[in-house]
Structure formats: C-alpha cells, structure tokens
C-alpha cells in the first residue's frame, strides 16, 4: 500500500478520514479509500461542531508526533471527514520521521 504521506514545498501532507464523536481518541491504521487514495483513520471524541473535531485532530496529532500545535494546518476538508493536514517543516526531515511514526501505530 502507498503511504498517506506526501511531500509539500513547506512540509509534509497527511491524508485522513476523521471520525468525530467517537468513544475514544486514537490514530488507527492506514487504508485505501473508495477513490484509491491512502488515508489514515483517526477518531476523536469531540463533536463536529464549530471546529471542535478539527481542533481535537490537531491536538491528537501534535501529541502523537511530539510537535507543537502551530506546526499543523488543515489545508483541505475543514468541513469534511476526509482531510489533508500540512505538517510544517523541512519535508526531507519530516518524511522519514512521519513514516517511522506510521510504522509504530
């Protein structure tokens, strides 16, 4: 399976399928969606109202990847379950770091 991680000019992009209002928050396995795109499954306990689920997503990613919340930006899908998040930084350094993180999920 291909990775849900893509290089960008100013960082790396991660593609997700977010499930809000879950019983617990967690980063789960990668899968191929119906359009053939690799995505990570992420669950958050926050409700999908007024950006609360998006905020919970960023908080969970920051904690899991041990980075500051300001290093993450939702660049696609703010109002959708399918999202792309930019992790700001040097893509040549971030790429291997994120791929190691994915292997340890």
N, C-alpha and C. Protein backbone atom coordinates (compact mmCIF):
# COMPACT_ATOMS: atom_id res chain seq x y z
N UNK A 1 0.85 -1.18 0.00
CA UNK A 1 0.00 0.00 0.00
C UNK A 1 0.89 1.24 0.00
N UNK A 2 0.47 2.24 -0.73
CA UNK A 2 1.20 3.50 -0.71
C UNK A 2 0.91 4.24 0.59
N UNK A 3 1.71 5.20 0.89
CA UNK A 3 1.63 5.92 2.16
C UNK A 3 0.68 7.12 2.08
N UNK A 4 0.02 7.46 3.20
CA UNK A 4 -0.82 8.66 3.24
C UNK A 4 0.00 9.94 3.43
N UNK A 5 1.34 9.82 3.33
CA UNK A 5 2.24 10.96 3.50
C UNK A 5 2.71 11.43 2.13
N UNK A 6 2.64 12.74 1.90
CA UNK A 6 3.13 13.34 0.64
C UNK A 6 4.00 14.53 0.99
N UNK A 7 5.05 14.72 0.21
CA UNK A 7 5.91 15.89 0.40
C UNK A 7 5.24 17.13 -0.18
N UNK A 8 5.43 18.25 0.49
CA UNK A 8 4.98 19.55 0.01
C UNK A 8 6.19 20.48 0.06
N UNK A 9 6.05 21.66 -0.49
CA UNK A 9 7.16 22.61 -0.52
C UNK A 9 7.59 22.98 0.90
N UNK A 10 6.62 23.20 1.78
CA UNK A 10 6.94 23.68 3.13
C UNK A 10 6.63 22.67 4.22
N UNK A 11 6.63 21.37 3.88
CA UNK A 11 6.39 20.34 4.88
C UNK A 11 5.91 19.05 4.25
N UNK A 12 5.10 18.32 5.00
CA UNK A 12 4.53 17.07 4.53
C UNK A 12 3.02 17.09 4.73
N UNK A 13 2.32 16.50 3.80
CA UNK A 13 0.87 16.40 3.88
C UNK A 13 0.48 15.00 4.32
N UNK A 14 -0.49 14.92 5.22
CA UNK A 14 -1.06 13.65 5.65
C UNK A 14 -2.54 13.65 5.30
N UNK A 15 -3.02 12.55 4.77
CA UNK A 15 -4.42 12.44 4.42
C UNK A 15 -5.13 11.55 5.44
N UNK A 16 -6.31 12.00 5.90
CA UNK A 16 -7.04 11.33 6.97
C UNK A 16 -8.50 11.12 6.63
N UNK A 17 -9.09 10.18 7.33
CA UNK A 17 -10.54 10.05 7.41
C UNK A 17 -10.84 10.21 8.89
N UNK A 18 -11.51 11.30 9.25
CA UNK A 18 -11.77 11.63 10.64
C UNK A 18 -13.16 11.16 11.06
N UNK A 19 -13.22 10.48 12.18
CA UNK A 19 -14.49 10.07 12.78
C UNK A 19 -14.67 10.85 14.07
N UNK A 20 -15.57 11.84 14.08
CA UNK A 20 -15.82 12.59 15.31
C UNK A 20 -16.80 11.86 16.21
N UNK A 21 -16.93 12.35 17.44
CA UNK A 21 -17.91 11.83 18.39
C UNK A 21 -17.67 10.35 18.70
N UNK A 22 -16.40 9.93 18.71
CA UNK A 22 -16.04 8.54 19.00
C UNK A 22 -15.95 8.34 20.51
N UNK A 23 -15.91 7.10 20.94
CA UNK A 23 -15.82 6.82 22.37
C UNK A 23 -14.43 7.12 22.93
N UNK A 24 -13.40 7.09 22.07
CA UNK A 24 -12.05 7.47 22.49
C UNK A 24 -11.31 8.05 21.29
N UNK A 25 -10.28 8.82 21.57
CA UNK A 25 -9.47 9.42 20.50
C UNK A 25 -8.30 8.50 20.20
N UNK A 26 -8.06 8.25 18.90
CA UNK A 26 -6.95 7.38 18.54
C UNK A 26 -6.58 7.56 17.07
N UNK A 27 -5.32 7.27 16.78
CA UNK A 27 -4.83 7.20 15.41
C UNK A 27 -4.80 5.72 15.07
N UNK A 28 -5.49 5.34 14.00
CA UNK A 28 -5.58 3.93 13.66
C UNK A 28 -4.80 3.64 12.38
N UNK A 29 -5.09 2.56 11.76
CA UNK A 29 -4.33 2.09 10.62
C UNK A 29 -4.61 2.88 9.34
N UNK A 30 -3.71 2.72 8.39
CA UNK A 30 -3.89 3.30 7.06
C UNK A 30 -4.75 2.36 6.23
N UNK A 31 -5.46 2.91 5.27
CA UNK A 31 -6.29 2.11 4.37
C UNK A 31 -6.41 2.84 3.05
N UNK A 32 -6.96 2.18 2.06
CA UNK A 32 -7.21 2.79 0.75
C UNK A 32 -8.70 3.12 0.68
N UNK A 33 -9.02 4.40 0.43
CA UNK A 33 -10.44 4.79 0.38
C UNK A 33 -11.08 4.37 -0.94
N UNK A 34 -12.35 4.66 -1.09
CA UNK A 34 -13.09 4.26 -2.27
C UNK A 34 -12.58 4.85 -3.57
N UNK A 35 -11.83 5.95 -3.49
CA UNK A 35 -11.25 6.58 -4.68
C UNK A 35 -9.82 6.13 -4.94
N UNK A 36 -9.34 5.17 -4.16
CA UNK A 36 -7.98 4.66 -4.34
C UNK A 36 -6.90 5.47 -3.66
N UNK A 37 -7.26 6.40 -2.76
CA UNK A 37 -6.28 7.22 -2.06
C UNK A 37 -5.96 6.63 -0.69
N UNK A 38 -4.68 6.56 -0.32
CA UNK A 38 -4.34 6.08 1.02
C UNK A 38 -4.68 7.15 2.07
N UNK A 39 -5.27 6.71 3.16
CA UNK A 39 -5.64 7.61 4.25
C UNK A 39 -5.41 6.91 5.59
N UNK A 40 -5.24 7.71 6.63
CA UNK A 40 -5.21 7.19 8.00
C UNK A 40 -6.61 7.33 8.59
N UNK A 41 -6.98 6.38 9.42
CA UNK A 41 -8.23 6.51 10.17
C UNK A 41 -7.89 7.15 11.50
N UNK A 42 -8.62 8.22 11.82
CA UNK A 42 -8.44 8.89 13.11
C UNK A 42 -9.80 9.09 13.74
N UNK A 43 -9.88 8.81 15.03
CA UNK A 43 -11.11 9.01 15.80
C UNK A 43 -10.85 10.04 16.89
N UNK A 44 -11.80 10.94 17.07
CA UNK A 44 -11.72 11.91 18.17
C UNK A 44 -13.06 11.93 18.91
N UNK A 45 -13.00 12.26 20.18
CA UNK A 45 -14.21 12.29 20.99
C UNK A 45 -15.01 13.57 20.78
N UNK A 46 -14.39 14.58 20.22
CA UNK A 46 -15.06 15.88 20.02
C UNK A 46 -16.18 15.76 19.00
N UNK A 47 -17.17 16.63 19.16
CA UNK A 47 -18.29 16.67 18.23
C UNK A 47 -17.93 17.53 17.02
N UNK A 48 -18.56 17.27 15.88
CA UNK A 48 -18.24 18.04 14.67
C UNK A 48 -19.02 19.35 14.60
N UNK A 49 -18.82 20.20 15.59
CA UNK A 49 -19.50 21.49 15.65
C UNK A 49 -18.48 22.59 15.91
N UNK A 50 -18.57 23.66 15.16
CA UNK A 50 -17.74 24.85 15.36
C UNK A 50 -16.25 24.53 15.40
N UNK A 51 -15.81 23.57 14.59
CA UNK A 51 -14.39 23.25 14.50
C UNK A 51 -13.83 22.44 15.65
N UNK A 52 -14.67 21.95 16.55
CA UNK A 52 -14.17 21.21 17.71
C UNK A 52 -13.46 19.92 17.32
N UNK A 53 -13.99 19.20 16.33
CA UNK A 53 -13.35 17.96 15.89
C UNK A 53 -12.01 18.26 15.22
N UNK A 54 -11.94 19.34 14.45
CA UNK A 54 -10.67 19.72 13.81
C UNK A 54 -9.63 20.09 14.86
N UNK A 55 -10.04 20.81 15.88
CA UNK A 55 -9.13 21.18 16.97
C UNK A 55 -8.63 19.93 17.68
N UNK A 56 -9.52 18.98 17.92
CA UNK A 56 -9.13 17.73 18.57
C UNK A 56 -8.17 16.93 17.70
N UNK A 57 -8.39 16.96 16.39
CA UNK A 57 -7.49 16.28 15.46
C UNK A 57 -6.07 16.84 15.57
N UNK A 58 -5.95 18.15 15.52
CA UNK A 58 -4.63 18.80 15.61
C UNK A 58 -3.98 18.49 16.95
N UNK A 59 -4.75 18.54 18.02
CA UNK A 59 -4.22 18.25 19.35
C UNK A 59 -3.70 16.81 19.42
N UNK A 60 -4.46 15.86 18.88
CA UNK A 60 -4.05 14.46 18.89
C UNK A 60 -2.79 14.24 18.05
N UNK A 61 -2.73 14.85 16.87
CA UNK A 61 -1.54 14.71 16.02
C UNK A 61 -0.31 15.33 16.68
N UNK A 62 -0.48 16.51 17.27
CA UNK A 62 0.64 17.19 17.92
C UNK A 62 1.20 16.33 19.06
N UNK A 63 0.31 15.77 19.85
CA UNK A 63 0.75 14.93 20.96
C UNK A 63 1.42 13.65 20.45
N UNK A 64 0.81 13.03 19.46
CA UNK A 64 1.31 11.76 18.95
C UNK A 64 2.66 11.91 18.24
N UNK A 65 2.82 13.01 17.49
CA UNK A 65 4.07 13.25 16.76
C UNK A 65 5.08 14.09 17.56
N UNK A 66 4.68 14.50 18.77
CA UNK A 66 5.54 15.30 19.65
C UNK A 66 6.00 16.60 18.97
N UNK A 67 5.01 17.33 18.48
CA UNK A 67 5.26 18.61 17.82
C UNK A 67 4.28 19.64 18.36
N UNK A 68 4.56 20.90 18.11
CA UNK A 68 3.67 21.97 18.54
C UNK A 68 2.42 22.04 17.67
N UNK A 69 1.30 22.44 18.25
CA UNK A 69 0.05 22.54 17.51
C UNK A 69 0.14 23.53 16.35
N UNK A 70 1.00 24.53 16.47
CA UNK A 70 1.12 25.53 15.40
C UNK A 70 1.84 24.98 14.17
N UNK A 71 2.42 23.79 14.28
CA UNK A 71 3.11 23.18 13.14
C UNK A 71 2.15 22.41 12.23
N UNK A 72 0.86 22.42 12.57
CA UNK A 72 -0.16 21.69 11.80
C UNK A 72 -1.19 22.65 11.24
N UNK A 73 -1.61 22.39 10.01
CA UNK A 73 -2.63 23.21 9.37
C UNK A 73 -3.51 22.32 8.49
N UNK A 74 -4.81 22.39 8.70
CA UNK A 74 -5.73 21.65 7.84
C UNK A 74 -5.84 22.43 6.54
N UNK A 75 -5.40 21.82 5.45
CA UNK A 75 -5.37 22.52 4.16
C UNK A 75 -6.48 22.07 3.22
N UNK A 76 -7.14 20.98 3.53
CA UNK A 76 -8.27 20.51 2.72
C UNK A 76 -9.22 19.73 3.61
N UNK A 77 -10.51 19.94 3.42
CA UNK A 77 -11.53 19.17 4.13
C UNK A 77 -11.95 19.70 5.48
N UNK A 78 -11.85 21.00 5.69
CA UNK A 78 -12.22 21.54 7.01
C UNK A 78 -13.66 21.21 7.39
N UNK A 79 -14.53 21.09 6.40
CA UNK A 79 -15.94 20.78 6.66
C UNK A 79 -16.29 19.34 6.27
N UNK A 80 -15.28 18.50 6.04
CA UNK A 80 -15.48 17.16 5.54
C UNK A 80 -14.78 16.16 6.45
N UNK A 81 -15.14 14.90 6.35
CA UNK A 81 -14.44 13.87 7.13
C UNK A 81 -13.07 13.55 6.52
N UNK A 82 -12.96 13.65 5.20
CA UNK A 82 -11.68 13.42 4.54
C UNK A 82 -10.89 14.73 4.57
N UNK A 83 -9.71 14.68 5.17
CA UNK A 83 -8.92 15.89 5.39
C UNK A 83 -7.48 15.68 4.95
N UNK A 84 -6.83 16.78 4.62
CA UNK A 84 -5.39 16.80 4.41
C UNK A 84 -4.81 17.81 5.38
N UNK A 85 -3.80 17.37 6.11
CA UNK A 85 -3.15 18.22 7.11
C UNK A 85 -1.71 18.43 6.70
N UNK A 86 -1.29 19.69 6.70
CA UNK A 86 0.10 20.04 6.43
C UNK A 86 0.86 20.09 7.75
N UNK A 87 1.97 19.36 7.81
CA UNK A 87 2.89 19.47 8.93
C UNK A 87 4.03 20.33 8.43
N UNK A 88 4.18 21.50 9.02
CA UNK A 88 5.13 22.49 8.54
C UNK A 88 6.54 22.14 8.99
N UNK A 89 7.47 22.17 8.05
CA UNK A 89 8.87 21.89 8.35
C UNK A 89 9.60 21.45 7.10
N UNK A 90 10.81 21.00 7.27
CA UNK A 90 11.63 20.52 6.17
C UNK A 90 11.11 19.14 5.74
N UNK A 91 10.58 19.02 4.52
CA UNK A 91 10.00 17.75 4.11
C UNK A 91 11.00 16.59 4.08
N UNK A 92 12.27 16.89 3.84
CA UNK A 92 13.28 15.83 3.81
C UNK A 92 13.55 15.25 5.19
N UNK A 93 13.32 16.04 6.23
CA UNK A 93 13.47 15.56 7.61
C UNK A 93 12.16 14.98 8.13
N UNK A 94 11.05 15.64 7.81
CA UNK A 94 9.74 15.20 8.30
C UNK A 94 9.30 13.88 7.69
N UNK A 95 9.54 13.69 6.41
CA UNK A 95 9.07 12.48 5.72
C UNK A 95 9.47 11.20 6.43
N UNK A 96 10.76 10.97 6.66
CA UNK A 96 11.17 9.75 7.37
C UNK A 96 10.63 9.67 8.80
N UNK A 97 10.57 10.81 9.47
CA UNK A 97 10.05 10.84 10.84
C UNK A 97 8.58 10.39 10.88
N UNK A 98 7.78 10.89 9.95
CA UNK A 98 6.37 10.53 9.91
C UNK A 98 6.19 9.07 9.50
N UNK A 99 6.99 8.62 8.57
CA UNK A 99 6.88 7.22 8.14
C UNK A 99 7.25 6.27 9.29
N UNK A 100 8.25 6.63 10.11
CA UNK A 100 8.57 5.83 11.30
C UNK A 100 7.40 5.81 12.27
N UNK A 101 6.79 6.97 12.45
CA UNK A 101 5.61 7.08 13.33
C UNK A 101 4.49 6.17 12.83
N UNK A 102 4.26 6.16 11.53
CA UNK A 102 3.21 5.32 10.95
C UNK A 102 3.49 3.84 11.16
N UNK A 103 4.75 3.43 11.05
CA UNK A 103 5.10 2.03 11.25
C UNK A 103 4.84 1.58 12.68
N UNK A 104 4.90 2.51 13.62
CA UNK A 104 4.73 2.17 15.05
C UNK A 104 3.29 2.29 15.53
N UNK A 105 2.36 2.56 14.63
CA UNK A 105 0.95 2.65 15.04
C UNK A 105 0.39 1.28 15.35
